[in-house]
Amino acid sequence: MEPIEINAGAWYLRALRADALMDDRPGLGDLGETDPDYVTRTAGEWAGDTRYTWAVCEPTTGELLAEVALRPATGEVSSRARAGHDAAADAAVAAVRRFADALDI
């Protein structure tokens, strides 16, 4: 599946990025993710339909506040948030559950 953007009310969800326009790696580092190839790996997981991962972003800056992931084989949704951004993660989990329900996952 191609990455899908999701509107989660006050936040928006998009695929993780590490390019000239947006680099989520510093925010991921705040979540404890230190693998420099993590963003590349998540793109492969989307393509292989093994795990769908979103950056939960502040809409005006695109800054990663949290990450949410869906495993399509099981329907499991997980999240992790930067300090002070649990509400963003909670809203994202609810939005991804609705997305999964729409796909009958």
Protein backbone atom coordinates (compact mmCIF):
# COMPACT_ATOMS: atom_id res chain seq x y z
CA MET A 1 0.00 0.00 0.00
CA GLU A 2 1.09 3.56 -0.65
CA PRO A 3 1.28 5.74 2.46
CA ILE A 4 -2.02 7.42 3.30
CA GLU A 5 -2.35 10.79 5.04
CA ILE A 6 -4.99 10.98 7.77
CA ASN A 7 -6.61 14.01 9.36
CA ALA A 8 -6.80 13.50 13.13
CA GLY A 9 -8.52 16.72 14.16
CA ALA A 10 -5.88 19.08 15.56
CA TRP A 11 -3.08 16.94 14.08
CA TYR A 12 -2.37 15.27 10.81
CA LEU A 13 -0.72 11.94 10.10
CA ARG A 14 1.71 11.38 7.25
CA ALA A 15 4.43 8.92 6.31
CA LEU A 16 7.76 9.40 8.05
CA ARG A 17 10.25 11.50 6.08
CA ALA A 18 13.98 12.13 5.95
CA ASP A 19 14.60 14.37 2.96
CA ALA A 20 15.63 17.92 2.10
CA LEU A 21 12.21 19.33 3.01
CA MET A 22 11.38 17.40 6.20
CA ASP A 23 13.50 15.27 8.50
CA ASP A 24 11.69 13.33 11.21
CA ARG A 25 14.84 11.71 12.58
CA PRO A 26 15.44 14.31 15.34
CA GLY A 27 11.87 13.84 16.62
CA LEU A 28 12.23 10.08 16.35
CA GLY A 29 15.41 10.41 18.39
CA ASP A 30 13.31 12.01 21.15
CA LEU A 31 11.20 8.83 21.03
CA GLY A 32 14.32 6.70 21.50
CA GLU A 33 14.64 5.66 17.85
CA THR A 34 18.34 5.72 16.99
CA ASP A 35 18.43 3.56 13.84
CA PRO A 36 19.49 5.93 11.00
CA ASP A 37 17.70 3.65 8.49
CA TYR A 38 14.41 3.58 10.39
CA VAL A 39 12.57 5.95 8.03
CA THR A 40 13.73 3.96 5.00
CA ARG A 41 12.67 0.72 6.68
CA THR A 42 9.19 2.07 7.39
CA ALA A 43 8.75 2.90 3.70
CA GLY A 44 9.54 -0.73 2.89
CA GLU A 45 7.03 -1.90 5.48
CA TRP A 46 4.33 0.20 3.80
CA ALA A 47 5.24 -1.28 0.42
CA GLY A 48 5.23 -4.80 1.84
CA ASP A 49 1.97 -4.31 3.76
CA THR A 50 3.63 -5.46 6.98
CA ARG A 51 3.40 -2.26 9.04
CA TYR A 52 1.93 1.17 8.35
CA THR A 53 3.65 3.96 10.28
CA TRP A 54 2.69 7.62 10.56
CA ALA A 55 4.30 10.74 11.93
CA VAL A 56 1.74 12.57 14.05
CA CYS A 57 2.40 16.18 13.16
CA GLU A 58 1.67 19.70 14.27
CA PRO A 59 -0.16 21.06 11.21
CA THR A 60 1.53 24.45 10.84
CA THR A 61 5.14 23.26 11.12
CA GLY A 62 4.94 19.57 10.22
CA GLU A 63 6.95 18.77 13.37
CA LEU A 64 6.71 15.15 14.50
CA LEU A 65 5.01 15.01 17.91
CA ALA A 66 4.34 11.29 18.04
CA GLU A 67 4.40 8.14 15.96
CA VAL A 68 1.61 5.65 15.44
CA ALA A 69 1.80 2.29 13.68
CA LEU A 70 -0.67 -0.32 12.46
CA ARG A 71 0.15 -3.95 11.78
CA PRO A 72 -2.37 -4.96 9.10
CA ALA A 73 -1.98 -8.69 9.75
CA THR A 74 -3.18 -8.35 13.35
CA GLY A 75 -4.90 -4.96 13.55
CA GLU A 76 -2.56 -3.98 16.39
CA VAL A 77 -2.13 -0.22 16.77
CA SER A 78 0.78 1.16 18.79
CA SER A 79 2.05 4.65 19.51
CA ARG A 80 4.78 6.61 21.21
CA ALA A 81 4.81 10.33 21.92
CA ARG A 82 7.37 12.99 22.62
CA ALA A 83 7.15 14.52 26.10
CA GLY A 84 3.97 16.54 26.49
CA HIS A 85 2.28 15.19 23.36
CA ASP A 86 0.25 12.24 24.65
CA ALA A 87 -2.98 13.88 23.43
CA ALA A 88 -1.65 13.91 19.87
CA ALA A 89 -0.76 10.22 20.12
CA ASP A 90 -4.18 9.36 21.56
CA ALA A 91 -6.00 11.21 18.77
CA ALA A 92 -3.79 9.48 16.20
CA VAL A 93 -4.51 6.03 17.64
CA ALA A 94 -8.24 6.70 17.38
CA ALA A 95 -7.88 7.92 13.77
CA VAL A 96 -5.78 4.90 12.78
CA ARG A 97 -8.32 2.54 14.38
CA ARG A 98 -11.02 4.14 12.22
CA PHE A 99 -8.75 3.73 9.17
CA ALA A 100 -8.20 0.04 10.06
CA ASP A 101 -11.95 -0.48 10.55
CA ALA A 102 -12.64 1.04 7.13
CA LEU A 103 -10.19 -1.47 5.61
CA ASP A 104 -11.71 -4.28 7.72
CA ILE A 105 -8.35 -4.95 9.41
